[in-house]
Amino acid sequence: MSEHKMIAKAEAGSIVAVLGASSKPKQYSYRAVQLLKQHGHKAIPVHPAGHAVDGIPGVKSLDDINKPVDTLTIYVNSRISNELADSILKLNPRRVIFNPGAENDELAKRLDESGIEVVHHCTLVMLHEGLY
């Protein structure tokens, strides 16, 4: 699941877009928003409903984000992420994390070719293990 290379860590206070953020507390994407906040990052939940997650206001689209994003962590399937590929590239995060179940080799290749770091790992595990 994880890459066998050194992962460049994000600085505390960095902005992290959580694509596919759920409003359901038992979902991994909801827990990622919570844990990012607990670790001092500024999470932006992204979901077509635009709902808040754990009290953090959400946005409906990546195109609604007008701040530099350090990390985009993806919790949607490849069909959805392929549809959003242009918006992801326009967002131009430093890195993109493909969580388990969100793998997308085609998009990962495009990101890598654009100079965006690609990580295949679990955001929750990365945060718990100090790898984030």
N, C-alpha and C. Protein backbone atom coordinates (compact mmCIF):
# COMPACT_ATOMS: atom_id res chain seq x y z
N MET A 1 0.82 -1.19 0.00
CA MET A 1 0.00 0.00 0.00
C MET A 1 0.86 1.25 0.00
N SER A 2 1.87 1.30 0.84
CA SER A 2 2.67 2.53 0.93
C SER A 2 3.81 2.49 -0.08
N GLU A 3 4.28 3.66 -0.41
CA GLU A 3 5.43 3.79 -1.30
C GLU A 3 6.67 3.42 -0.50
N HIS A 4 7.70 3.01 -1.19
CA HIS A 4 8.95 2.65 -0.52
C HIS A 4 9.96 3.78 -0.61
N LYS A 5 9.47 4.99 -0.62
CA LYS A 5 10.36 6.15 -0.66
C LYS A 5 10.04 7.04 0.53
N MET A 6 10.92 7.95 0.80
CA MET A 6 10.70 8.89 1.90
C MET A 6 9.53 9.81 1.54
N ILE A 7 8.59 9.93 2.44
CA ILE A 7 7.45 10.80 2.23
C ILE A 7 7.76 12.14 2.87
N ALA A 8 7.64 13.21 2.09
CA ALA A 8 7.88 14.56 2.64
C ALA A 8 6.70 14.93 3.53
N LYS A 9 6.97 15.22 4.78
CA LYS A 9 5.91 15.53 5.73
C LYS A 9 5.37 16.94 5.51
N ALA A 10 4.11 17.11 5.91
CA ALA A 10 3.47 18.42 5.86
C ALA A 10 3.77 19.17 7.16
N GLU A 11 3.88 20.47 7.05
CA GLU A 11 4.09 21.28 8.24
C GLU A 11 2.77 21.46 8.97
N ALA A 12 2.84 21.58 10.30
CA ALA A 12 1.64 21.87 11.08
C ALA A 12 1.03 23.17 10.56
N GLY A 13 -0.28 23.21 10.51
CA GLY A 13 -0.97 24.39 10.02
C GLY A 13 -1.19 24.39 8.52
N SER A 14 -0.69 23.36 7.84
CA SER A 14 -0.87 23.30 6.39
C SER A 14 -2.33 23.05 6.04
N ILE A 15 -2.72 23.47 4.85
CA ILE A 15 -4.09 23.30 4.38
C ILE A 15 -4.20 21.96 3.66
N VAL A 16 -5.22 21.20 4.06
CA VAL A 16 -5.44 19.87 3.50
C VAL A 16 -6.88 19.78 3.01
N ALA A 17 -7.06 19.51 1.73
CA ALA A 17 -8.39 19.28 1.18
C ALA A 17 -8.70 17.79 1.28
N VAL A 18 -9.87 17.48 1.80
CA VAL A 18 -10.29 16.08 1.98
C VAL A 18 -11.41 15.81 0.99
N LEU A 19 -11.06 15.20 -0.14
CA LEU A 19 -12.01 14.96 -1.22
C LEU A 19 -12.86 13.73 -0.90
N GLY A 20 -14.17 13.94 -0.81
CA GLY A 20 -15.08 12.86 -0.46
C GLY A 20 -15.35 12.82 1.03
N ALA A 21 -15.16 13.95 1.71
CA ALA A 21 -15.36 14.02 3.16
C ALA A 21 -16.82 13.73 3.51
N SER A 22 -17.02 12.76 4.35
CA SER A 22 -18.36 12.34 4.75
C SER A 22 -18.83 13.09 5.99
N SER A 23 -20.14 13.25 6.10
CA SER A 23 -20.72 13.85 7.31
C SER A 23 -21.04 12.78 8.34
N LYS A 24 -20.71 11.53 8.05
CA LYS A 24 -20.98 10.40 8.96
C LYS A 24 -19.75 10.10 9.79
N PRO A 25 -19.85 10.26 11.12
CA PRO A 25 -18.68 10.11 12.01
C PRO A 25 -17.94 8.78 11.91
N LYS A 26 -18.58 7.71 11.47
CA LYS A 26 -17.89 6.42 11.40
C LYS A 26 -17.09 6.23 10.12
N GLN A 27 -17.24 7.14 9.16
CA GLN A 27 -16.51 7.02 7.91
C GLN A 27 -15.06 7.48 8.07
N TYR A 28 -14.16 6.83 7.34
CA TYR A 28 -12.74 7.17 7.44
C TYR A 28 -12.47 8.62 7.04
N SER A 29 -13.19 9.12 6.04
CA SER A 29 -12.95 10.50 5.60
C SER A 29 -13.35 11.50 6.68
N TYR A 30 -14.39 11.20 7.44
CA TYR A 30 -14.79 12.06 8.56
C TYR A 30 -13.69 12.03 9.62
N ARG A 31 -13.22 10.81 9.93
CA ARG A 31 -12.19 10.66 10.95
C ARG A 31 -10.88 11.33 10.52
N ALA A 32 -10.62 11.34 9.22
CA ALA A 32 -9.42 12.02 8.73
C ALA A 32 -9.51 13.53 9.00
N VAL A 33 -10.68 14.12 8.75
CA VAL A 33 -10.86 15.55 9.03
C VAL A 33 -10.61 15.82 10.51
N GLN A 34 -11.19 14.99 11.37
CA GLN A 34 -11.00 15.15 12.82
C GLN A 34 -9.52 15.07 13.20
N LEU A 35 -8.85 14.04 12.71
CA LEU A 35 -7.45 13.80 13.09
C LEU A 35 -6.53 14.87 12.52
N LEU A 36 -6.81 15.33 11.31
CA LEU A 36 -6.02 16.43 10.74
C LEU A 36 -6.12 17.65 11.64
N LYS A 37 -7.34 17.96 12.08
CA LYS A 37 -7.57 19.10 12.97
C LYS A 37 -6.80 18.91 14.28
N GLN A 38 -6.86 17.70 14.84
CA GLN A 38 -6.16 17.42 16.10
C GLN A 38 -4.65 17.56 15.95
N HIS A 39 -4.13 17.33 14.75
CA HIS A 39 -2.69 17.44 14.50
C HIS A 39 -2.29 18.84 14.03
N GLY A 40 -3.22 19.78 14.09
CA GLY A 40 -2.89 21.17 13.80
C GLY A 40 -2.97 21.58 12.34
N HIS A 41 -3.56 20.73 11.50
CA HIS A 41 -3.72 21.08 10.09
C HIS A 41 -5.08 21.74 9.87
N LYS A 42 -5.20 22.48 8.78
CA LYS A 42 -6.46 23.15 8.43
C LYS A 42 -7.14 22.33 7.35
N ALA A 43 -8.09 21.51 7.76
CA ALA A 43 -8.79 20.64 6.82
C ALA A 43 -9.92 21.39 6.13
N ILE A 44 -10.09 21.10 4.85
CA ILE A 44 -11.22 21.62 4.08
C ILE A 44 -11.99 20.41 3.56
N PRO A 45 -13.15 20.10 4.14
CA PRO A 45 -13.97 19.00 3.63
C PRO A 45 -14.53 19.36 2.25
N VAL A 46 -14.42 18.43 1.31
CA VAL A 46 -14.94 18.65 -0.04
C VAL A 46 -15.92 17.53 -0.37
N HIS A 47 -17.17 17.94 -0.64
CA HIS A 47 -18.24 16.99 -0.97
C HIS A 47 -19.31 17.76 -1.73
N PRO A 48 -19.94 17.15 -2.74
CA PRO A 48 -20.96 17.86 -3.50
C PRO A 48 -22.08 18.46 -2.65
N ALA A 49 -22.32 17.90 -1.46
CA ALA A 49 -23.35 18.45 -0.56
C ALA A 49 -22.84 19.70 0.16
N GLY A 50 -21.53 19.88 0.20
CA GLY A 50 -20.95 21.05 0.87
C GLY A 50 -21.15 21.07 2.36
N HIS A 51 -21.41 19.91 2.96
CA HIS A 51 -21.69 19.86 4.39
C HIS A 51 -20.45 20.09 5.26
N ALA A 52 -20.72 20.50 6.49
CA ALA A 52 -19.66 20.64 7.48
C ALA A 52 -19.28 19.26 7.99
N VAL A 53 -18.04 19.12 8.41
CA VAL A 53 -17.55 17.87 8.99
C VAL A 53 -16.89 18.22 10.31
N ASP A 54 -17.42 17.65 11.38
CA ASP A 54 -16.88 17.90 12.72
C ASP A 54 -16.77 19.40 13.01
N GLY A 55 -17.79 20.13 12.56
CA GLY A 55 -17.83 21.58 12.81
C GLY A 55 -17.01 22.42 11.85
N ILE A 56 -16.34 21.78 10.90
CA ILE A 56 -15.53 22.51 9.92
C ILE A 56 -16.37 22.70 8.66
N PRO A 57 -16.57 23.95 8.24
CA PRO A 57 -17.37 24.19 7.03
C PRO A 57 -16.77 23.50 5.82
N GLY A 58 -17.64 22.94 5.00
CA GLY A 58 -17.19 22.27 3.79
C GLY A 58 -17.44 23.09 2.54
N VAL A 59 -16.87 22.63 1.44
CA VAL A 59 -17.11 23.23 0.13
C VAL A 59 -17.66 22.14 -0.78
N LYS A 60 -18.33 22.56 -1.85
CA LYS A 60 -18.96 21.62 -2.77
C LYS A 60 -18.00 21.09 -3.83
N SER A 61 -16.93 21.83 -4.08
CA SER A 61 -16.05 21.49 -5.19
C SER A 61 -14.62 21.94 -4.90
N LEU A 62 -13.67 21.26 -5.49
CA LEU A 62 -12.27 21.70 -5.39
C LEU A 62 -12.11 23.10 -5.95
N ASP A 63 -12.93 23.43 -6.94
CA ASP A 63 -12.86 24.76 -7.56
C ASP A 63 -13.28 25.87 -6.60
N ASP A 64 -13.94 25.52 -5.49
CA ASP A 64 -14.35 26.51 -4.49
C ASP A 64 -13.22 26.89 -3.54
N ILE A 65 -12.08 26.19 -3.63
CA ILE A 65 -10.95 26.46 -2.75
C ILE A 65 -10.07 27.52 -3.39
N ASN A 66 -9.85 28.61 -2.66
CA ASN A 66 -9.05 29.71 -3.21
C ASN A 66 -7.81 29.99 -2.38
N LYS A 67 -7.30 28.97 -1.70
CA LYS A 67 -6.09 29.07 -0.89
C LYS A 67 -5.10 28.03 -1.39
N PRO A 68 -3.82 28.25 -1.19
CA PRO A 68 -2.84 27.21 -1.57
C PRO A 68 -3.02 25.97 -0.70
N VAL A 69 -3.14 24.83 -1.33
CA VAL A 69 -3.35 23.56 -0.63
C VAL A 69 -2.05 22.77 -0.64
N ASP A 70 -1.62 22.36 0.54
CA ASP A 70 -0.42 21.53 0.65
C ASP A 70 -0.72 20.11 0.19
N THR A 71 -1.81 19.54 0.72
CA THR A 71 -2.12 18.14 0.47
C THR A 71 -3.58 17.98 0.10
N LEU A 72 -3.83 17.13 -0.89
CA LEU A 72 -5.17 16.67 -1.22
C LEU A 72 -5.21 15.21 -0.86
N THR A 73 -6.12 14.82 0.04
CA THR A 73 -6.26 13.42 0.39
C THR A 73 -7.58 12.94 -0.20
N ILE A 74 -7.51 11.86 -0.96
CA ILE A 74 -8.64 11.41 -1.77
C ILE A 74 -9.33 10.19 -1.15
N TYR A 75 -10.66 10.32 -1.01
CA TYR A 75 -11.52 9.25 -0.48
C TYR A 75 -12.64 8.91 -1.46
N VAL A 76 -12.44 9.15 -2.74
CA VAL A 76 -13.45 8.80 -3.74
C VAL A 76 -12.86 7.79 -4.71
N ASN A 77 -13.73 7.07 -5.41
CA ASN A 77 -13.23 6.05 -6.34
C ASN A 77 -12.64 6.68 -7.60
N SER A 78 -12.00 5.86 -8.41
CA SER A 78 -11.29 6.36 -9.58
C SER A 78 -12.21 6.99 -10.61
N ARG A 79 -13.44 6.52 -10.73
CA ARG A 79 -14.37 7.14 -11.68
C ARG A 79 -14.59 8.60 -11.32
N ILE A 80 -14.80 8.87 -10.04
CA ILE A 80 -15.03 10.25 -9.58
C ILE A 80 -13.75 11.07 -9.70
N SER A 81 -12.64 10.51 -9.27
CA SER A 81 -11.39 11.29 -9.33
C SER A 81 -10.98 11.56 -10.77
N ASN A 82 -11.28 10.66 -11.70
CA ASN A 82 -10.99 10.94 -13.11
C ASN A 82 -11.82 12.12 -13.60
N GLU A 83 -13.09 12.19 -13.18
CA GLU A 83 -13.95 13.30 -13.56
C GLU A 83 -13.42 14.63 -13.01
N LEU A 84 -12.70 14.56 -11.89
CA LEU A 84 -12.19 15.76 -11.22
C LEU A 84 -10.72 16.03 -11.52
N ALA A 85 -10.14 15.28 -12.43
CA ALA A 85 -8.70 15.38 -12.69
C ALA A 85 -8.26 16.80 -13.03
N ASP A 86 -9.00 17.49 -13.88
CA ASP A 86 -8.62 18.85 -14.26
C ASP A 86 -8.66 19.80 -13.06
N SER A 87 -9.68 19.63 -12.21
CA SER A 87 -9.78 20.47 -11.01
C SER A 87 -8.65 20.17 -10.04
N ILE A 88 -8.26 18.90 -9.95
CA ILE A 88 -7.15 18.52 -9.07
C ILE A 88 -5.85 19.15 -9.57
N LEU A 89 -5.62 19.07 -10.86
CA LEU A 89 -4.41 19.66 -11.43
C LEU A 89 -4.41 21.18 -11.28
N LYS A 90 -5.57 21.79 -11.44
CA LYS A 90 -5.69 23.24 -11.27
C LYS A 90 -5.42 23.64 -9.81
N LEU A 91 -5.87 22.82 -8.87
CA LEU A 91 -5.64 23.07 -7.45
C LEU A 91 -4.13 23.06 -7.16
N ASN A 92 -3.41 22.19 -7.85
CA ASN A 92 -1.96 22.09 -7.77
C ASN A 92 -1.43 21.92 -6.34
N PRO A 93 -1.91 20.90 -5.62
CA PRO A 93 -1.36 20.67 -4.28
C PRO A 93 0.07 20.18 -4.38
N ARG A 94 0.81 20.29 -3.28
CA ARG A 94 2.19 19.76 -3.25
C ARG A 94 2.17 18.25 -3.39
N ARG A 95 1.17 17.61 -2.77
CA ARG A 95 1.07 16.16 -2.85
C ARG A 95 -0.39 15.74 -2.83
N VAL A 96 -0.62 14.52 -3.33
CA VAL A 96 -1.94 13.90 -3.31
C VAL A 96 -1.79 12.54 -2.67
N ILE A 97 -2.64 12.27 -1.69
CA ILE A 97 -2.65 10.97 -1.02
C ILE A 97 -3.86 10.18 -1.53
N PHE A 98 -3.59 9.02 -2.10
CA PHE A 98 -4.66 8.10 -2.51
C PHE A 98 -4.85 7.10 -1.37
N ASN A 99 -5.96 7.23 -0.66
CA ASN A 99 -6.26 6.32 0.44
C ASN A 99 -6.71 4.97 -0.12
N PRO A 100 -6.66 3.90 0.69
CA PRO A 100 -7.11 2.59 0.21
C PRO A 100 -8.54 2.67 -0.35
N GLY A 101 -8.71 2.12 -1.54
CA GLY A 101 -10.01 2.16 -2.22
C GLY A 101 -10.13 3.33 -3.17
N ALA A 102 -9.21 4.28 -3.11
CA ALA A 102 -9.24 5.46 -3.97
C ALA A 102 -8.13 5.42 -5.02
N GLU A 103 -7.46 4.29 -5.16
CA GLU A 103 -6.34 4.17 -6.09
C GLU A 103 -6.78 4.56 -7.50
N ASN A 104 -5.87 5.22 -8.23
CA ASN A 104 -6.17 5.65 -9.59
C ASN A 104 -4.84 5.83 -10.32
N ASP A 105 -4.38 4.78 -10.97
CA ASP A 105 -3.07 4.81 -11.63
C ASP A 105 -3.00 5.87 -12.73
N GLU A 106 -4.09 6.03 -13.48
CA GLU A 106 -4.11 7.01 -14.57
C GLU A 106 -3.92 8.43 -14.02
N LEU A 107 -4.66 8.78 -12.98
CA LEU A 107 -4.54 10.11 -12.38
C LEU A 107 -3.19 10.26 -11.69
N ALA A 108 -2.73 9.23 -11.02
CA ALA A 108 -1.43 9.29 -10.35
C ALA A 108 -0.32 9.61 -11.36
N LYS A 109 -0.40 9.02 -12.53
CA LYS A 109 0.60 9.28 -13.57
C LYS A 109 0.55 10.74 -14.02
N ARG A 110 -0.66 11.26 -14.23
CA ARG A 110 -0.80 12.66 -14.64
C ARG A 110 -0.25 13.61 -13.57
N LEU A 111 -0.53 13.30 -12.31
CA LEU A 111 -0.05 14.14 -11.20
C LEU A 111 1.47 14.12 -11.15
N ASP A 112 2.04 12.91 -11.25
CA ASP A 112 3.49 12.76 -11.21
C ASP A 112 4.13 13.54 -12.35
N GLU A 113 3.55 13.46 -13.53
CA GLU A 113 4.08 14.19 -14.70
C GLU A 113 3.99 15.70 -14.51
N SER A 114 3.07 16.14 -13.64
CA SER A 114 2.90 17.58 -13.36
C SER A 114 3.74 18.04 -12.18
N GLY A 115 4.54 17.13 -11.62
CA GLY A 115 5.42 17.49 -10.51
C GLY A 115 4.75 17.45 -9.15
N ILE A 116 3.59 16.82 -9.06
CA ILE A 116 2.87 16.69 -7.79
C ILE A 116 3.23 15.35 -7.18
N GLU A 117 3.66 15.37 -5.92
CA GLU A 117 4.02 14.14 -5.22
C GLU A 117 2.78 13.25 -5.08
N VAL A 118 2.93 11.98 -5.37
CA VAL A 118 1.85 11.00 -5.28
C VAL A 118 2.19 10.02 -4.17
N VAL A 119 1.25 9.82 -3.25
CA VAL A 119 1.44 8.91 -2.13
C VAL A 119 0.25 7.94 -2.09
N HIS A 120 0.56 6.64 -2.02
CA HIS A 120 -0.47 5.62 -1.85
C HIS A 120 -0.35 5.13 -0.41
N HIS A 121 -1.24 5.61 0.43
CA HIS A 121 -1.16 5.29 1.85
C HIS A 121 -2.49 5.68 2.49
N CYS A 122 -2.64 5.41 3.75
CA CYS A 122 -3.84 5.79 4.50
C CYS A 122 -3.52 7.02 5.33
N THR A 123 -4.27 8.08 5.12
CA THR A 123 -4.04 9.32 5.86
C THR A 123 -4.10 9.09 7.36
N LEU A 124 -5.06 8.29 7.82
CA LEU A 124 -5.20 8.02 9.26
C LEU A 124 -3.95 7.34 9.81
N VAL A 125 -3.45 6.35 9.10
CA VAL A 125 -2.25 5.64 9.54
C VAL A 125 -1.05 6.59 9.53
N MET A 126 -0.94 7.38 8.48
CA MET A 126 0.17 8.33 8.39
C MET A 126 0.18 9.29 9.58
N LEU A 127 -0.99 9.79 9.95
CA LEU A 127 -1.09 10.71 11.09
C LEU A 127 -0.75 10.00 12.39
N HIS A 128 -1.28 8.79 12.58
CA HIS A 128 -1.02 8.05 13.81
C HIS A 128 0.45 7.66 13.97
N GLU A 129 1.12 7.40 12.84
CA GLU A 129 2.50 6.93 12.90
C GLU A 129 3.54 8.05 12.73
N GLY A 130 3.07 9.30 12.67
CA GLY A 130 4.00 10.41 12.53
C GLY A 130 4.62 10.53 11.15
N LEU A 131 3.96 9.95 10.15
CA LEU A 131 4.47 9.99 8.78
C LEU A 131 3.85 11.10 7.95
N TYR A 132 2.87 11.78 8.52
CA TYR A 132 2.14 12.78 7.76
C TYR A 132 2.96 14.02 7.57
